[in-house]
Amino acid sequence: MSKNRSRKNKGGACMNKQEGGKDKQEGGNKAQGGKDKKEGGKRKTRRMAKGPSEWNKKVMEVYRDMKKKDKSVRLGAAMKRASEMKKRGEL
């Protein structure tokens, strides 16, 4: 080995950008991972409540009637009962 030879890349630990190594400003950061950011789309707006629907009013009516007879009734049971009544055409 001659004395005039450059020691720039002797050990192979430090690589230039041209030799395949990543530059610090070019995606070497682990937090970014070298990925491009996605472009944002339109934001969805929340629907404003306009009061209870007709179905909800009917379910609550059935619920109140059931609650008068049995205090341990749950709203889910009233929904099932109202659904059955609607299928039969009673509601």
Protein backbone atom coordinates (compact mmCIF):
# COMPACT_ATOMS: atom_id res chain seq x y z
CA MET A 1 0.00 0.00 0.00
CA SER A 2 1.38 3.36 -0.96
CA LYS A 3 1.55 6.36 1.35
CA ASN A 4 -0.12 8.74 -1.14
CA ARG A 5 -3.36 6.78 -1.16
CA SER A 6 -6.43 8.50 0.28
CA ARG A 7 -7.86 7.22 3.57
CA LYS A 8 -11.29 8.69 2.85
CA ASN A 9 -13.18 5.42 2.52
CA LYS A 10 -10.72 2.89 3.81
CA GLY A 11 -12.90 1.14 6.37
CA GLY A 12 -16.16 1.38 4.40
CA ALA A 13 -18.00 2.89 7.35
CA CYS A 14 -18.54 6.29 5.76
CA MET A 15 -20.12 6.27 2.31
CA ASN A 16 -20.75 9.16 -0.02
CA LYS A 17 -24.13 9.96 -1.49
CA GLN A 18 -22.86 8.80 -4.88
CA GLU A 19 -21.71 5.45 -3.50
CA GLY A 20 -25.14 4.44 -2.21
CA GLY A 21 -25.20 5.94 1.29
CA LYS A 22 -28.03 8.15 2.51
CA ASP A 23 -27.45 11.80 3.12
CA LYS A 24 -28.67 13.12 6.49
CA GLN A 25 -31.10 15.54 4.85
CA GLU A 26 -32.39 12.95 2.38
CA GLY A 27 -34.48 10.61 4.52
CA GLY A 28 -31.93 9.31 6.98
CA ASN A 29 -34.21 10.31 9.86
CA LYS A 30 -35.90 7.30 11.50
CA ALA A 31 -38.96 9.30 12.56
CA GLN A 32 -39.90 10.13 8.97
CA GLY A 33 -38.83 6.81 7.53
CA GLY A 34 -38.22 8.41 4.15
CA LYS A 35 -41.93 8.21 3.24
CA ASP A 36 -43.84 10.95 1.47
CA LYS A 37 -46.75 12.57 3.26
CA LYS A 38 -50.25 11.81 1.99
CA GLU A 39 -52.26 14.69 0.68
CA GLY A 40 -55.27 15.55 2.79
CA GLY A 41 -58.76 15.32 1.39
CA LYS A 42 -61.92 17.19 2.25
CA ARG A 43 -62.93 17.15 5.88
CA LYS A 44 -66.23 15.53 6.66
CA THR A 45 -68.68 17.76 8.46
CA ARG A 46 -70.87 16.46 11.27
CA ARG A 47 -74.57 16.17 10.64
CA MET A 48 -76.58 18.43 12.90
CA ALA A 49 -79.30 16.74 14.92
CA LYS A 50 -82.77 17.85 13.93
CA GLY A 51 -84.63 16.25 16.82
CA PRO A 52 -85.92 12.71 17.24
CA SER A 53 -87.06 10.84 14.15
CA GLU A 54 -90.54 9.39 13.75
CA TRP A 55 -89.20 5.90 14.48
CA ASN A 56 -87.48 7.11 17.64
CA LYS A 57 -90.69 8.73 18.87
CA LYS A 58 -92.62 5.49 18.34
CA VAL A 59 -89.96 3.41 20.10
CA MET A 60 -90.01 5.77 23.09
CA GLU A 61 -93.81 5.54 23.23
CA VAL A 62 -93.59 1.71 23.33
CA TYR A 63 -90.81 1.96 25.93
CA ARG A 64 -92.89 4.19 28.24
CA ASP A 65 -95.87 1.80 27.98
CA MET A 66 -93.64 -1.18 28.79
CA LYS A 67 -91.95 0.73 31.63
CA LYS A 68 -95.33 1.41 33.30
CA LYS A 69 -95.98 -2.34 33.47
CA ASP A 70 -92.46 -3.51 34.33
CA LYS A 71 -89.78 -1.20 35.82
CA SER A 72 -86.90 -3.51 34.81
CA VAL A 73 -87.55 -3.14 31.04
CA ARG A 74 -84.64 -1.97 28.90
CA LEU A 75 -84.71 0.19 25.80
CA GLY A 76 -83.35 -2.66 23.65
CA ALA A 77 -86.41 -4.76 24.50
CA ALA A 78 -88.67 -1.88 23.51
CA MET A 79 -86.86 -1.57 20.18
CA LYS A 80 -87.42 -5.26 19.45
CA ARG A 81 -91.08 -5.00 20.41
CA ALA A 82 -91.57 -1.88 18.28
CA SER A 83 -89.89 -3.61 15.34
CA GLU A 84 -92.24 -6.60 15.67
CA MET A 85 -95.24 -4.27 15.91
CA LYS A 86 -94.12 -2.41 12.78
CA LYS A 87 -93.78 -5.68 10.83
CA ARG A 88 -97.34 -6.62 11.84
CA GLY A 89 -98.59 -3.18 10.85
CA GLU A 90 -99.65 -2.16 14.35
CA LEU A 91 -97.23 0.72 14.62
